[in-house]
């Protein structure tokens, strides 16, 4: 994660892909995600609040997830898979 300073003095957060982060901090976040394929996690971007990690891309920068049922509400999960940045999935699962 870094900051971008614009000429009008607005500070904006910029997230760096996990493949680049792993080179700097050596924490192996992509490997953590790959070992967690199939697990459910709390997901604020899901209509049910829960998702399951389906796959991690070859470069490690995107993840495929699907919504799943939650024990806390009666909403039906939306059908299909969605792709999102891997840092977003990692934050939801491990942070």
Protein backbone atom coordinates (compact mmCIF):
# COMPACT_ATOMS: atom_id res chain seq x y z
CA UNK A 1 0.00 0.00 0.00
CA UNK A 2 1.30 3.45 -0.83
CA UNK A 3 0.16 7.01 -1.10
CA UNK A 4 -0.20 9.20 -4.16
CA UNK A 5 0.08 12.94 -3.72
CA UNK A 6 -1.75 14.98 -6.31
CA UNK A 7 -0.90 18.63 -7.12
CA UNK A 8 -4.03 19.85 -5.33
CA UNK A 9 -2.79 18.27 -2.07
CA UNK A 10 -5.28 15.41 -1.98
CA UNK A 11 -3.88 12.27 -0.37
CA UNK A 12 -5.19 9.01 -1.86
CA UNK A 13 -4.50 5.40 -0.81
CA UNK A 14 -3.30 3.05 -3.55
CA UNK A 15 -3.22 -0.72 -3.01
CA UNK A 16 -0.34 -2.66 -4.52
CA UNK A 17 -0.89 -6.12 -6.04
CA UNK A 18 0.02 -9.01 -3.75
CA UNK A 19 2.61 -10.30 -6.21
CA UNK A 20 4.53 -7.05 -5.68
CA UNK A 21 3.88 -6.90 -1.92
CA UNK A 22 5.25 -10.43 -1.46
CA UNK A 23 8.52 -9.37 -3.11
CA UNK A 24 8.92 -6.54 -0.58
CA UNK A 25 7.74 -8.07 2.68
CA UNK A 26 8.30 -11.79 1.98
CA UNK A 27 5.14 -12.78 3.88
CA UNK A 28 3.79 -15.18 1.23
CA UNK A 29 0.23 -13.87 1.14
CA UNK A 30 -0.43 -15.50 -2.23
CA UNK A 31 0.63 -18.89 -0.82
CA UNK A 32 -1.73 -18.32 2.13
CA UNK A 33 -4.60 -17.68 -0.29
CA UNK A 34 -3.78 -20.75 -2.38
CA UNK A 35 -3.81 -22.93 0.75
CA UNK A 36 -7.23 -21.50 1.70
CA UNK A 37 -9.05 -22.39 -1.56
CA UNK A 38 -12.43 -23.86 -0.66
CA UNK A 39 -12.74 -22.03 2.66
CA UNK A 40 -15.60 -19.69 3.52
CA UNK A 41 -14.94 -16.20 4.85
CA UNK A 42 -16.76 -13.07 5.95
CA UNK A 43 -17.21 -10.86 2.88
CA UNK A 44 -18.70 -7.36 3.12
CA UNK A 45 -19.10 -7.24 -0.67
CA UNK A 46 -21.40 -10.29 -0.71
CA UNK A 47 -25.19 -9.99 -0.49
CA UNK A 48 -25.19 -12.70 2.21
CA UNK A 49 -22.06 -11.53 4.02
CA UNK A 50 -20.27 -14.83 3.31
CA UNK A 51 -18.21 -16.07 0.35
CA UNK A 52 -16.06 -19.06 -0.56
CA UNK A 53 -12.65 -18.77 -2.22
CA UNK A 54 -12.76 -20.76 -5.47
CA UNK A 55 -9.41 -19.99 -7.13
CA UNK A 56 -6.34 -17.75 -7.16
CA UNK A 57 -4.96 -16.58 -10.52
CA UNK A 58 -1.58 -17.78 -11.78
CA UNK A 59 0.03 -14.38 -11.10
CA UNK A 60 -1.69 -14.19 -7.70
CA UNK A 61 -3.28 -10.78 -8.30
CA UNK A 62 -6.94 -11.85 -8.59
CA UNK A 63 -9.20 -14.32 -6.82
CA UNK A 64 -12.41 -15.99 -7.86
CA UNK A 65 -15.07 -16.20 -5.16
CA UNK A 66 -18.70 -17.29 -4.92
CA UNK A 67 -21.37 -16.21 -2.47
CA UNK A 68 -22.62 -18.81 0.01
CA UNK A 69 -25.35 -19.02 2.61
CA UNK A 70 -24.87 -17.31 5.93
CA UNK A 71 -26.05 -18.63 9.26
CA UNK A 72 -26.95 -15.06 10.30
CA UNK A 73 -29.53 -14.15 7.64
CA UNK A 74 -31.98 -15.82 5.27
CA UNK A 75 -30.80 -14.21 2.05
CA UNK A 76 -30.19 -16.50 -0.89
CA UNK A 77 -26.69 -16.27 -2.40
CA UNK A 78 -26.40 -14.79 -5.88
CA UNK A 79 -25.54 -17.37 -8.51
CA UNK A 80 -22.13 -17.35 -10.22
CA UNK A 81 -18.52 -16.51 -9.54
CA UNK A 82 -16.98 -13.07 -9.24
CA UNK A 83 -13.39 -11.95 -9.60
CA UNK A 84 -11.82 -9.48 -7.20
CA UNK A 85 -8.31 -8.25 -6.34
CA UNK A 86 -6.40 -10.73 -4.21
CA UNK A 87 -5.45 -8.12 -1.60
CA UNK A 88 -9.17 -7.61 -0.96
CA UNK A 89 -9.75 -11.33 -0.46
CA UNK A 90 -6.64 -11.70 1.70
CA UNK A 91 -7.77 -8.81 3.94
CA UNK A 92 -11.21 -10.42 4.33
CA UNK A 93 -9.76 -13.83 5.23
CA UNK A 94 -6.65 -13.13 7.28
CA UNK A 95 -6.59 -9.53 8.56
